């Protein structure tokens, strides 16, 4: 069958477009027959292309872009699926983004030739897919501090790469945002102030941060953290510990709670921005519901 390659040329500030000739060469070298579709605008075109490719029977679908592009493709595949209980995929990942968190969390290669080699080998695995309200995500979603960072970093034009995420984080900490929240999940509840709620399918987000350090994308559960830091200084002291995957992680601190659950409901007294897989989907939302779809996505694995 013919593969559909969906390229997001804007990924990593247009570096994906620059890297496309190498992707094209490697796919042809591997003998993969494909048809290319290129996103022409942000805000949903990738989702439309993925839905169209799925409806037309292309298989597999290969994503040439970053984490946000992967998330959009998965949403498009799901929108076009006639059977909502049916597994999605197979999906191939050619990491052309800034952080490439999902590829990192799945232990997939980050260089183009090796990524294409994995796809050509044809080995597949099942990956959990998460959902927030009516939107699917495969790596991470958050409200509070984290999407505030996303808002800030998207406004930065002169700084590139992981440094942009780090500088945006420092700017967000300086704003010291907080919300009054009510959380409920299968097994518990919390009511009080929060600085963030982050929901992970994988451990790493933003290339540097282990926001849900014990998340497992194959365990059939959401892993979420809710945390409150009262002052900018407390938040700043917490930051280095978000970069630790194991002993010394920020989830060991008082006021920080990491929980594994099958669903989570959140209500906020004041609105927050929200993102999934690094893409802002709402700038002012107060009610969110998170769920998990175990093993929903078939992807090419090592």
Protein backbone atom coordinates (compact mmCIF):
# COMPACT_ATOMS: atom_id res chain seq x y z
CA UNK A 1 0.00 0.00 0.00
CA UNK A 2 1.09 3.60 -0.56
CA UNK A 3 2.14 5.60 2.48
CA UNK A 4 0.97 9.15 3.03
CA UNK A 5 3.66 11.50 4.28
CA UNK A 6 2.32 14.62 6.01
CA UNK A 7 4.96 17.33 6.24
CA UNK A 8 4.60 20.34 8.49
CA UNK A 9 7.20 22.70 7.00
CA UNK A 10 6.91 25.15 9.90
CA UNK A 11 8.06 22.62 12.52
CA UNK A 12 11.17 23.79 14.37
CA UNK A 13 10.78 27.28 12.86
CA UNK A 14 10.88 26.10 9.21
CA UNK A 15 13.77 23.67 9.77
CA UNK A 16 11.43 20.84 8.78
CA UNK A 17 11.13 22.33 5.30
CA UNK A 18 14.91 22.61 5.09
CA UNK A 19 15.31 18.96 6.13
CA UNK A 20 12.69 17.59 3.74
CA UNK A 21 15.14 16.75 0.88
CA UNK A 22 17.01 14.37 3.19
CA UNK A 23 13.73 12.76 4.29
CA UNK A 24 12.72 12.34 0.64
CA UNK A 25 16.08 10.76 -0.20
CA UNK A 26 15.96 8.33 2.73
CA UNK A 27 12.37 7.22 2.06
CA UNK A 28 13.21 6.47 -1.56
CA UNK A 29 16.44 4.74 -0.55
CA UNK A 30 14.41 2.51 1.81
CA UNK A 31 12.00 1.63 -1.00
CA UNK A 32 8.96 3.19 0.68
CA UNK A 33 6.33 4.22 -1.84
CA UNK A 34 4.65 7.40 -0.68
CA UNK A 35 2.57 10.41 -1.59
CA UNK A 36 3.39 13.75 0.03
CA UNK A 37 0.97 16.28 1.52
CA UNK A 38 2.32 19.57 2.87
CA UNK A 39 0.54 21.67 5.47
CA UNK A 40 -0.09 25.16 4.13
CA UNK A 41 -1.35 26.87 7.26
CA UNK A 42 -1.44 26.43 11.04
CA UNK A 43 -4.58 25.85 13.03
CA UNK A 44 -5.88 22.55 11.75
CA UNK A 45 -4.67 21.94 8.20
CA UNK A 46 -2.53 18.98 9.30
CA UNK A 47 -5.63 17.47 10.93
CA UNK A 48 -7.57 17.92 7.70
CA UNK A 49 -4.80 16.28 5.66
CA UNK A 50 -4.67 13.30 8.04
CA UNK A 51 -8.45 12.87 7.95
CA UNK A 52 -8.42 12.96 4.16
CA UNK A 53 -5.55 10.46 3.95
CA UNK A 54 -7.33 8.09 6.32
CA UNK A 55 -10.61 8.37 4.39
CA UNK A 56 -8.79 7.59 1.13
CA UNK A 57 -7.20 4.47 2.62
CA UNK A 58 -3.56 5.51 2.73
CA UNK A 59 -1.55 3.24 5.01
CA UNK A 60 0.68 3.89 6.81
CA UNK A 61 0.63 7.60 7.59
CA UNK A 62 4.07 9.06 8.21
CA UNK A 63 4.44 12.29 10.17
CA UNK A 64 7.31 14.60 9.22
CA UNK A 65 7.19 17.24 11.94
CA UNK A 66 7.17 17.77 15.68
CA UNK A 67 5.01 16.70 18.59
CA UNK A 68 2.20 19.10 17.73
CA UNK A 69 2.11 17.73 14.19
CA UNK A 70 1.85 14.17 15.49
CA UNK A 71 -1.00 15.19 17.77
CA UNK A 72 -2.86 16.82 14.88
CA UNK A 73 -2.40 13.75 12.68
CA UNK A 74 -3.78 11.44 15.37
CA UNK A 75 -6.83 13.70 15.73
CA UNK A 76 -7.35 13.66 11.97
CA UNK A 77 -7.09 9.87 11.81
CA UNK A 78 -9.64 9.56 14.60
CA UNK A 79 -12.05 12.02 12.97
CA UNK A 80 -12.04 9.98 9.76
CA UNK A 81 -12.42 6.61 11.46
CA UNK A 82 -15.91 5.20 11.02
CA UNK A 83 -15.49 2.81 13.93
CA UNK A 84 -14.56 4.88 17.00
CA UNK A 85 -13.46 1.73 18.85
CA UNK A 86 -11.08 0.69 16.07
CA UNK A 87 -7.35 1.02 16.54
CA UNK A 88 -5.64 3.90 14.72
CA UNK A 89 -2.56 3.54 12.54
CA UNK A 90 -0.04 2.40 11.68
CA UNK A 91 1.77 5.69 12.20
CA UNK A 92 5.40 6.44 11.45
CA UNK A 93 7.37 9.22 13.12
CA UNK A 94 10.04 11.24 11.31
CA UNK A 95 11.06 13.71 14.04
CA UNK A 96 11.55 17.18 12.57
CA UNK A 97 10.37 19.24 15.55
CA UNK A 98 12.13 21.30 18.19
CA UNK A 99 11.97 18.91 21.12
CA UNK A 100 10.62 15.66 19.58
CA UNK A 101 9.40 14.54 22.99
CA UNK A 102 7.27 11.62 21.83
CA UNK A 103 10.12 10.08 19.84
CA UNK A 104 12.35 10.49 22.89
CA UNK A 105 9.80 8.92 25.22
CA UNK A 106 9.27 5.99 22.84
CA UNK A 107 13.05 5.56 22.49
CA UNK A 108 12.85 6.13 18.75
CA UNK A 109 15.84 7.54 16.84
CA UNK A 110 15.99 11.29 16.41
CA UNK A 111 18.06 11.38 13.22
CA UNK A 112 16.30 11.10 9.87
CA UNK A 113 18.08 8.07 8.33
CA UNK A 114 17.57 5.95 11.46
CA UNK A 115 13.94 7.05 11.82
CA UNK A 116 13.23 5.95 8.24
CA UNK A 117 15.04 2.65 8.88
CA UNK A 118 12.67 1.95 11.80
CA UNK A 119 9.65 2.61 9.57
CA UNK A 120 11.01 0.44 6.76
CA UNK A 121 11.60 -2.47 9.16
CA UNK A 122 7.81 -2.62 9.75
CA UNK A 123 7.83 -3.55 13.44
CA UNK A 124 4.85 -2.12 15.31
CA UNK A 125 3.70 -1.62 18.90
CA UNK A 126 0.54 -0.34 20.61
CA UNK A 127 0.58 3.09 22.24
CA UNK A 128 -1.96 4.55 24.67
CA UNK A 129 -3.80 7.66 23.45
CA UNK A 130 -5.08 10.30 25.88
CA UNK A 131 -8.00 12.66 25.50
CA UNK A 132 -8.85 16.08 26.93
CA UNK A 133 -12.46 17.09 26.29
CA UNK A 134 -12.89 16.29 22.56
CA UNK A 135 -9.19 16.44 21.66
CA UNK A 136 -6.74 13.51 21.56
CA UNK A 137 -3.09 13.75 22.57
CA UNK A 138 -0.24 11.27 22.64
CA UNK A 139 2.45 12.80 24.83
CA UNK A 140 1.43 15.61 27.17
CA UNK A 141 -1.31 18.11 27.98
CA UNK A 142 -1.45 20.78 30.64
CA UNK A 143 -3.15 23.78 32.16
CA UNK A 144 -1.71 26.54 34.29
CA UNK A 145 2.01 27.28 34.22
CA UNK A 146 2.95 24.95 31.37
CA UNK A 147 0.69 26.39 28.64
CA UNK A 148 1.55 29.85 29.94
CA UNK A 149 5.12 28.93 28.96
CA UNK A 150 3.81 27.86 25.55
CA UNK A 151 2.08 31.21 25.05
CA UNK A 152 5.29 33.06 25.90
CA UNK A 153 7.62 30.93 23.78
CA UNK A 154 5.41 31.29 20.72
CA UNK A 155 5.87 35.06 21.02
CA UNK A 156 9.68 34.69 20.96
CA UNK A 157 11.16 35.18 17.49
CA UNK A 158 14.90 35.60 18.02
CA UNK A 159 15.61 32.55 20.20
CA UNK A 160 15.44 29.00 18.82
CA UNK A 161 15.51 25.44 20.08
CA UNK A 162 15.38 24.23 23.66
CA UNK A 163 16.77 27.56 24.93
CA UNK A 164 13.47 29.17 23.88
CA UNK A 165 11.52 26.82 26.17
CA UNK A 166 13.86 27.54 29.09
CA UNK A 167 13.69 31.32 28.71
CA UNK A 168 9.91 31.18 28.34
CA UNK A 169 9.72 29.13 31.54
CA UNK A 170 11.67 31.77 33.46
CA UNK A 171 9.35 34.47 32.13
CA UNK A 172 6.29 32.44 33.19
CA UNK A 173 7.71 31.92 36.68
CA UNK A 174 8.20 35.67 36.99
CA UNK A 175 4.46 36.11 36.38
CA UNK A 176 3.76 33.68 39.25
CA UNK A 177 0.32 32.57 38.00
CA UNK A 178 -2.03 30.58 40.23
CA UNK A 179 -5.58 29.25 40.08
CA UNK A 180 -8.22 27.98 42.51
CA UNK A 181 -9.13 24.47 41.40
CA UNK A 182 -11.30 21.45 42.08
CA UNK A 183 -9.89 18.11 40.87
CA UNK A 184 -11.55 14.70 40.92
CA UNK A 185 -10.23 11.37 39.65
CA UNK A 186 -10.89 7.66 40.09
CA UNK A 187 -9.52 7.33 43.57
CA UNK A 188 -9.35 10.82 44.97
CA UNK A 189 -10.04 14.53 44.84
CA UNK A 190 -8.39 17.84 45.67
CA UNK A 191 -9.70 21.35 46.16
CA UNK A 192 -7.40 24.33 46.60
CA UNK A 193 -4.80 26.47 44.85
CA UNK A 194 -2.69 25.17 41.98
CA UNK A 195 0.20 26.47 39.91
CA UNK A 196 -0.12 23.71 37.35
CA UNK A 197 -1.84 20.52 36.33
CA UNK A 198 0.12 18.48 33.81
CA UNK A 199 -1.06 15.19 32.30
CA UNK A 200 1.50 12.89 30.74
CA UNK A 201 1.45 9.87 28.51
CA UNK A 202 5.24 10.16 28.40
CA UNK A 203 7.70 11.45 30.98
CA UNK A 204 9.46 14.21 29.04
CA UNK A 205 8.02 17.41 27.61
CA UNK A 206 9.69 20.54 26.27
CA UNK A 207 12.87 18.58 25.62
CA UNK A 208 14.15 19.15 29.16
CA UNK A 209 11.37 18.71 31.66
CA UNK A 210 10.21 15.50 33.37
CA UNK A 211 6.80 16.91 34.23
CA UNK A 212 5.32 13.44 34.79
CA UNK A 213 8.52 11.48 35.50
CA UNK A 214 6.82 8.13 36.13
CA UNK A 215 4.44 8.18 33.15
CA UNK A 216 4.30 5.01 31.06
CA UNK A 217 2.71 5.28 27.58
CA UNK A 218 1.83 1.59 27.65
CA UNK A 219 0.20 1.14 31.08
CA UNK A 220 -3.37 2.13 30.22
CA UNK A 221 -3.36 5.04 32.69
CA UNK A 222 -2.98 8.79 32.74
CA UNK A 223 -0.19 10.13 34.91
CA UNK A 224 -0.89 13.62 36.19
CA UNK A 225 0.74 16.07 38.56
CA UNK A 226 -0.97 18.89 40.40
CA UNK A 227 1.28 21.32 42.21
CA UNK A 228 1.21 24.62 44.04
CA UNK A 229 4.13 26.96 44.64
CA UNK A 230 3.21 30.03 46.68
CA UNK A 231 6.01 32.37 45.65
CA UNK A 232 8.24 33.02 42.64
CA UNK A 233 11.24 31.93 44.71
CA UNK A 234 9.62 28.58 45.56
CA UNK A 235 8.77 28.07 41.91
CA UNK A 236 12.28 28.99 40.79
CA UNK A 237 13.81 26.53 43.28
CA UNK A 238 11.49 23.84 41.93
CA UNK A 239 12.54 24.36 38.30
CA UNK A 240 15.88 22.45 38.38
CA UNK A 241 14.12 19.46 39.92
CA UNK A 242 11.69 19.24 36.98
CA UNK A 243 14.73 18.23 34.92
CA UNK A 244 15.46 15.17 37.06
CA UNK A 245 13.87 11.89 35.93
CA UNK A 246 14.35 9.89 39.12
CA UNK A 247 15.68 10.61 42.61
CA UNK A 248 15.41 14.28 43.41
CA UNK A 249 12.47 14.90 41.08
CA UNK A 250 10.13 17.78 41.84
CA UNK A 251 7.29 15.31 42.51
CA UNK A 252 9.05 14.48 45.79
CA UNK A 253 8.50 18.03 47.09
CA UNK A 254 5.70 19.01 49.50
CA UNK A 255 2.70 20.36 47.65
CA UNK A 256 3.50 18.39 44.49
CA UNK A 257 1.48 15.24 43.80
CA UNK A 258 1.97 12.68 41.01
CA UNK A 259 -1.02 10.36 40.49
CA UNK A 260 -1.89 7.51 38.12
CA UNK A 261 -5.55 7.36 37.10
CA UNK A 262 -7.92 6.41 34.30
CA UNK A 263 -9.74 9.75 34.30
CA UNK A 264 -9.44 13.24 35.70
CA UNK A 265 -11.91 16.13 35.90
CA UNK A 266 -10.76 19.70 36.53
CA UNK A 267 -12.74 22.83 37.32
CA UNK A 268 -11.08 26.23 37.75
CA UNK A 269 -12.56 29.38 39.24
CA UNK A 270 -10.70 31.52 36.71
CA UNK A 271 -9.73 30.50 33.16
CA UNK A 272 -6.35 29.19 32.05
CA UNK A 273 -4.68 28.56 28.70
CA UNK A 274 -4.51 24.87 27.78
CA UNK A 275 -2.33 22.87 25.44
CA UNK A 276 -2.02 19.33 24.18
CA UNK A 277 1.17 18.00 22.60
CA UNK A 278 2.60 21.50 22.75
CA UNK A 279 -0.21 23.11 20.76
CA UNK A 280 -2.52 25.64 22.40
CA UNK A 281 -6.15 24.62 21.88
CA UNK A 282 -7.78 27.13 24.23
CA UNK A 283 -6.56 30.39 25.73
CA UNK A 284 -9.22 30.64 28.44
CA UNK A 285 -10.85 27.44 29.70
CA UNK A 286 -12.28 26.49 33.09
CA UNK A 287 -13.53 22.89 32.75
CA UNK A 288 -11.56 19.93 31.43
CA UNK A 289 -12.00 16.17 31.44
CA UNK A 290 -9.13 13.80 30.73
CA UNK A 291 -9.48 10.11 29.77
CA UNK A 292 -7.28 7.31 28.41
CA UNK A 293 -7.66 4.96 25.44
CA UNK A 294 -5.32 2.02 26.13
CA UNK A 295 -3.36 0.74 23.12
CA UNK A 296 -5.34 2.91 20.71
CA UNK A 297 -2.49 3.77 18.33
CA UNK A 298 -0.34 1.37 16.31
CA UNK A 299 3.07 2.91 15.59
CA UNK A 300 6.36 1.80 14.04
CA UNK A 301 8.73 0.84 16.85
CA UNK A 302 12.31 -0.40 17.20
